[in-house]
C-alpha atoms as a PDB file:
ATOM      1  CA  MET A   1      27.321   3.694  12.476  1.00  0.00           C
ATOM      2  CA  ARG A   2      30.531   5.393  11.054  1.00  0.00           C
ATOM      3  CA  ASN A   3      30.412   7.799   8.174  1.00  0.00           C
ATOM      4  CA  HIS A   4      26.617   8.150   8.369  1.00  0.00           C
ATOM      5  CA  THR A   5      24.743  11.316   8.431  1.00  0.00           C
ATOM      6  CA  LEU A   6      21.706  12.015  10.412  1.00  0.00           C
ATOM      7  CA  GLY A   7      19.789  12.012   7.034  1.00  0.00           C
ATOM      8  CA  THR A   8      21.176   8.384   6.201  1.00  0.00           C
ATOM      9  CA  LEU A   9      20.437   7.021   9.634  1.00  0.00           C
ATOM     10  CA  THR A  10      16.789   8.609   9.584  1.00  0.00           C
ATOM     11  CA  TRP A  11      16.336   6.916   6.195  1.00  0.00           C
ATOM     12  CA  ILE A  12      17.581   3.496   7.736  1.00  0.00           C
ATOM     13  CA  ARG A  13      15.259   3.772  10.602  1.00  0.00           C
ATOM     14  CA  MET A  14      12.385   4.634   8.228  1.00  0.00           C
ATOM     15  CA  MET A  15      13.272   1.643   6.023  1.00  0.00           C
ATOM     16  CA  ARG A  16      13.450  -0.677   9.210  1.00  0.00           C
ATOM     17  CA  PHE A  17      10.074   0.508  10.508  1.00  0.00           C
ATOM     18  CA  THR A  18       8.490   0.001   7.158  1.00  0.00           C
ATOM     19  CA  THR A  19       9.806  -3.436   6.820  1.00  0.00           C
ATOM     20  CA  GLN A  20       8.641  -4.303  10.163  1.00  0.00           C
ATOM     21  CA  SER A  21       5.193  -2.735   9.814  1.00  0.00           C
ATOM     22  CA  ASN A  22       4.699  -4.707   6.678  1.00  0.00           C
ATOM     23  CA  GLN A  23       5.704  -7.932   8.221  1.00  0.00           C
ATOM     24  CA  LEU A  24       3.343  -7.399  11.065  1.00  0.00           C
ATOM     25  CA  SER A  25       0.527  -6.492   8.717  1.00  0.00           C
ATOM     26  CA  ASN A  26       1.059  -9.415   6.492  1.00  0.00           C
ATOM     27  CA  GLU A  27       0.669 -11.510   9.688  1.00  0.00           C
ATOM     28  CA  PHE A  28      -2.350  -9.456  10.863  1.00  0.00           C
ATOM     29  CA  LEU A  29      -4.126  -9.640   7.394  1.00  0.00           C
ATOM     30  CA  LYS A  30      -3.835 -13.442   7.209  1.00  0.00           C
ATOM     31  CA  ARG A  31      -7.154 -13.563   9.344  1.00  0.00           C
ATOM     32  CA  PHE A  32      -8.612 -11.994   6.054  1.00  0.00           C
ATOM     33  CA  ASP A  33      -6.673 -14.197   3.946  1.00  0.00           C
ATOM     34  CA  LEU A  34      -4.731 -11.274   2.521  1.00  0.00           C
ATOM     35  CA  THR A  35      -1.336  -9.877   2.237  1.00  0.00           C
ATOM     36  CA  THR A  36      -0.561  -6.318   2.470  1.00  0.00           C
ATOM     37  CA  ALA A  37       0.080  -6.056  -1.249  1.00  0.00           C
ATOM     38  CA  GLN A  38      -3.379  -7.604  -2.055  1.00  0.00           C
ATOM     39  CA  PHE A  39      -5.032  -5.298   0.531  1.00  0.00           C
ATOM     40  CA  ASP A  40      -3.264  -2.209  -1.021  1.00  0.00           C
ATOM     41  CA  VAL A  41      -4.311  -3.423  -4.585  1.00  0.00           C
ATOM     42  CA  LEU A  42      -7.977  -4.072  -3.414  1.00  0.00           C
ATOM     43  CA  ILE A  43      -8.260  -0.490  -1.783  1.00  0.00           C
ATOM     44  CA  GLN A  44      -6.950   0.980  -4.959  1.00  0.00           C
ATOM     45  CA  ILE A  45      -9.497  -0.875  -7.097  1.00  0.00           C
ATOM     46  CA  GLN A  46     -12.234   0.105  -4.696  1.00  0.00           C
ATOM     47  CA  THR A  47     -11.211   3.559  -4.834  1.00  0.00           C
ATOM     48  CA  TYR A  48     -10.633   4.172  -8.520  1.00  0.00           C
ATOM     49  CA  ALA A  49     -12.737   1.435 -10.345  1.00  0.00           C
ATOM     50  CA  PRO A  50     -13.018   0.753 -12.943  1.00  0.00           C
ATOM     51  CA  ILE A  51      -9.115   0.976 -13.424  1.00  0.00           C
ATOM     52  CA  THR A  52      -6.771  -0.451 -15.855  1.00  0.00           C
ATOM     53  CA  GLN A  53      -3.828  -2.682 -14.941  1.00  0.00           C
ATOM     54  CA  SER A  54      -1.206  -0.135 -15.894  1.00  0.00           C
ATOM     55  CA  GLN A  55      -3.086   2.631 -13.923  1.00  0.00           C
ATOM     56  CA  LEU A  56      -3.266   0.298 -10.866  1.00  0.00           C
ATOM     57  CA  ALA A  57       0.526  -0.430 -11.430  1.00  0.00           C
ATOM     58  CA  GLU A  58       1.208   3.190 -11.016  1.00  0.00           C
ATOM     59  CA  LYS A  59      -0.621   3.438  -7.672  1.00  0.00           C
ATOM     60  CA  VAL A  60       1.092   0.214  -5.810  1.00  0.00           C
ATOM     61  CA  THR A  61       4.344  -1.129  -5.102  1.00  0.00           C
ATOM     62  CA  VAL A  62       3.935  -4.250  -7.201  1.00  0.00           C
ATOM     63  CA  THR A  63       5.972  -4.869 -10.429  1.00  0.00           C
ATOM     64  CA  GLN A  64       3.995  -5.476 -13.758  1.00  0.00           C
ATOM     65  CA  GLY A  65       4.608  -9.071 -13.522  1.00  0.00           C
ATOM     66  CA  GLY A  66       3.780  -9.348  -9.936  1.00  0.00           C
ATOM     67  CA  MET A  67       0.618  -7.341 -10.687  1.00  0.00           C
ATOM     68  CA  SER A  68      -0.463  -9.871 -13.447  1.00  0.00           C
ATOM     69  CA  ARG A  69       0.116 -12.807 -11.227  1.00  0.00           C
ATOM     70  CA  MET A  70      -1.926 -11.076  -8.283  1.00  0.00           C
ATOM     71  CA  LEU A  71      -4.683  -9.997 -10.447  1.00  0.00           C
ATOM     72  CA  ALA A  72      -5.088 -13.437 -11.901  1.00  0.00           C
ATOM     73  CA  ARG A  73      -5.116 -14.692  -8.397  1.00  0.00           C
ATOM     74  CA  LEU A  74      -7.701 -12.365  -7.155  1.00  0.00           C
ATOM     75  CA  GLU A  75      -9.874 -12.890 -10.072  1.00  0.00           C
ATOM     76  CA  LYS A  76      -9.675 -16.723  -9.605  1.00  0.00           C
ATOM     77  CA  GLU A  77     -10.680 -16.082  -5.876  1.00  0.00           C
ATOM     78  CA  GLY A  78     -13.666 -14.186  -7.169  1.00  0.00           C
ATOM     79  CA  LEU A  79     -12.455 -10.790  -5.519  1.00  0.00           C
ATOM     80  CA  ILE A  80     -12.222  -8.971  -8.842  1.00  0.00           C
ATOM     81  CA  GLU A  81     -13.463  -8.957 -12.227  1.00  0.00           C
ATOM     82  CA  ARG A  82     -11.750  -7.902 -15.515  1.00  0.00           C
ATOM     83  CA  LYS A  83     -13.898  -6.668 -18.389  1.00  0.00           C
ATOM     84  CA  GLN A  84     -12.760  -5.949 -21.958  1.00  0.00           C
ATOM     85  CA  ASN A  85     -13.226  -2.228 -22.675  1.00  0.00           C
ATOM     86  CA  TRP A  86     -12.041  -2.135 -26.335  1.00  0.00           C
ATOM     87  CA  LYS A  87      -8.115  -2.511 -26.130  1.00  0.00           C
ATOM     88  CA  THR A  88      -7.995  -2.490 -22.423  1.00  0.00           C
ATOM     89  CA  LYS A  89      -9.485  -4.458 -19.402  1.00  0.00           C
ATOM     90  CA  ALA A  90     -11.122  -2.571 -16.902  1.00  0.00           C
ATOM     91  CA  ILE A  91     -10.801  -3.947 -13.324  1.00  0.00           C
ATOM     92  CA  SER A  92     -13.350  -3.646 -10.448  1.00  0.00           C
ATOM     93  CA  LEU A  93     -14.341  -5.470  -7.342  1.00  0.00           C
ATOM     94  CA  THR A  94     -16.988  -8.161  -7.149  1.00  0.00           C
ATOM     95  CA  ALA A  95     -19.544  -8.149  -4.466  1.00  0.00           C
ATOM     96  CA  LYS A  96     -17.260 -10.699  -2.590  1.00  0.00           C
ATOM     97  CA  GLY A  97     -14.368  -8.430  -3.112  1.00  0.00           C
ATOM     98  CA  GLU A  98     -16.263  -5.496  -1.583  1.00  0.00           C
ATOM     99  CA  GLN A  99     -17.343  -7.639   1.181  1.00  0.00           C
ATOM    100  CA  MET A 100     -13.712  -8.708   1.867  1.00  0.00           C
ATOM    101  CA  ILE A 101     -12.205  -5.147   1.737  1.00  0.00           C
ATOM    102  CA  ASP A 102     -15.245  -3.696   3.840  1.00  0.00           C
ATOM    103  CA  ALA A 103     -14.659  -6.437   6.452  1.00  0.00           C
ATOM    104  CA  ALA A 104     -10.736  -5.993   6.481  1.00  0.00           C
ATOM    105  CA  THR A 105     -10.322  -2.186   6.221  1.00  0.00           C
ATOM    106  CA  PRO A 106     -11.536  -0.871   9.798  1.00  0.00           C
ATOM    107  CA  SER A 107      -9.283  -3.644  11.413  1.00  0.00           C
ATOM    108  CA  GLN A 108      -6.278  -2.884   9.246  1.00  0.00           C
ATOM    109  CA  LEU A 109      -6.680   0.812   9.756  1.00  0.00           C
ATOM    110  CA  HIS A 110      -6.928   0.462  13.687  1.00  0.00           C
ATOM    111  CA  PHE A 111      -3.978  -1.907  13.588  1.00  0.00           C
ATOM    112  CA  GLN A 112      -1.744   0.408  11.617  1.00  0.00           C
ATOM    113  CA  SER A 113      -2.795   3.510  13.680  1.00  0.00           C
ATOM    114  CA  SER A 114      -1.784   1.610  16.746  1.00  0.00           C
ATOM    115  CA  PHE A 115       1.795   1.804  15.734  1.00  0.00           C
ATOM    116  CA  PHE A 116       1.709   5.576  16.248  1.00  0.00           C
ATOM    117  CA  GLU A 117      -0.880   5.930  18.885  1.00  0.00           C
ATOM    118  CA  GLU A 118       0.522   3.597  21.219  1.00  0.00           C
ATOM    119  CA  VAL A 119       3.965   5.443  21.573  1.00  0.00           C
ATOM    120  CA  LEU A 120       3.381   9.078  20.178  1.00  0.00           C
ATOM    121  CA  SER A 121       1.355  11.980  21.648  1.00  0.00           C
ATOM    122  CA  ASP A 122      -1.211  13.665  19.278  1.00  0.00           C
ATOM    123  CA  GLU A 123       1.109  16.443  18.859  1.00  0.00           C
ATOM    124  CA  GLU A 124       3.941  14.088  17.869  1.00  0.00           C
ATOM    125  CA  ILE A 125       1.720  12.423  15.355  1.00  0.00           C
ATOM    126  CA  LYS A 126       0.616  15.656  13.803  1.00  0.00           C
ATOM    127  CA  SER A 127       4.234  16.786  13.552  1.00  0.00           C
ATOM    128  CA  LEU A 128       5.383  13.356  12.001  1.00  0.00           C
ATOM    129  CA  TYR A 129       2.383  13.500   9.541  1.00  0.00           C
ATOM    130  CA  LYS A 130       3.554  17.037   8.448  1.00  0.00           C
ATOM    131  CA  VAL A 131       7.319  16.047   8.051  1.00  0.00           C
ATOM    132  CA  MET A 132       6.339  12.789   6.139  1.00  0.00           C
ATOM    133  CA  THR A 133       3.955  14.732   3.798  1.00  0.00           C
ATOM    134  CA  LYS A 134       6.662  17.083   2.961  1.00  0.00           C
ATOM    135  CA  LEU A 135       9.223  14.251   2.484  1.00  0.00           C
ATOM    136  CA  GLU A 136       6.728  12.214   0.335  1.00  0.00           C
ATOM    137  CA  LYS A 137       5.819  15.503  -1.896  1.00  0.00           C
ATOM    138  CA  HIS A 138       9.688  16.100  -2.396  1.00  0.00           C
ATOM    139  CA  SER A 139      10.118  12.519  -3.241  1.00  0.00           C
ATOM    140  CA  ARG A 140       7.719  12.750  -6.083  1.00  0.00           C
ATOM    141  CA  GLU A 141       9.487  15.815  -7.461  1.00  0.00           C
ATOM    142  CA  LYS A 142      13.168  14.492  -6.876  1.00  0.00           C
ATOM    143  CA  LYS A 143      15.218  13.951  -9.839  1.00  0.00           C
ATOM    144  CA  LEU A 144      18.248  11.447  -9.918  1.00  0.00           C
ATOM    145  CA  PRO A 145      21.751  13.212  -9.800  1.00  0.00           C
ATOM    146  CA  PRO A 146      23.901  13.172 -12.845  1.00  0.00           C
ATOM    147  CA  VAL A 147      26.117  10.087 -13.295  1.00  0.00           C
END
C-alpha cells in the first residue's frame, strides 16, 4: 500500500483480524442462539449486576439505540430482567440467562483462544498481550488532535 506507515498497516491488520474474528464468533455463537454483541452484554451484566443501561453502554460497543433494542430482545427471551430502582432500571440476568452464559462462556473462550494458540508460541502470546495492553491503555488516554 502506497504512502502507508508501518503504524497504519498494523492498524489495518488489527481491524481486519477483529472483523474476521467477530464474523467467526457470530457464526460460532449461533449454536447458543447468541451474537457476539449479545454475548458481550450478557457477560458484562453477569460481572457487574445490577447495572444500569447507561453503565452497560459504557462497557460495550453497542449504541444506545442498539442497546435498548438488544435489552428488550434479551428480556423477551427471558435472559435478563429489568427492575425499576427509583429513577433507573437495574439490569440483571435471570436464571435462564445465567445458564445460557455459563454454557456458552467456556466454549467461546476456548474458540477465541484458539486464534492465538494455533499459530503463536507461548512467548509470542505473552509479547502480544503486553503490547495490546499498552496500546489499549494509551487509547483510553488519547486525546483528539486539534482541528
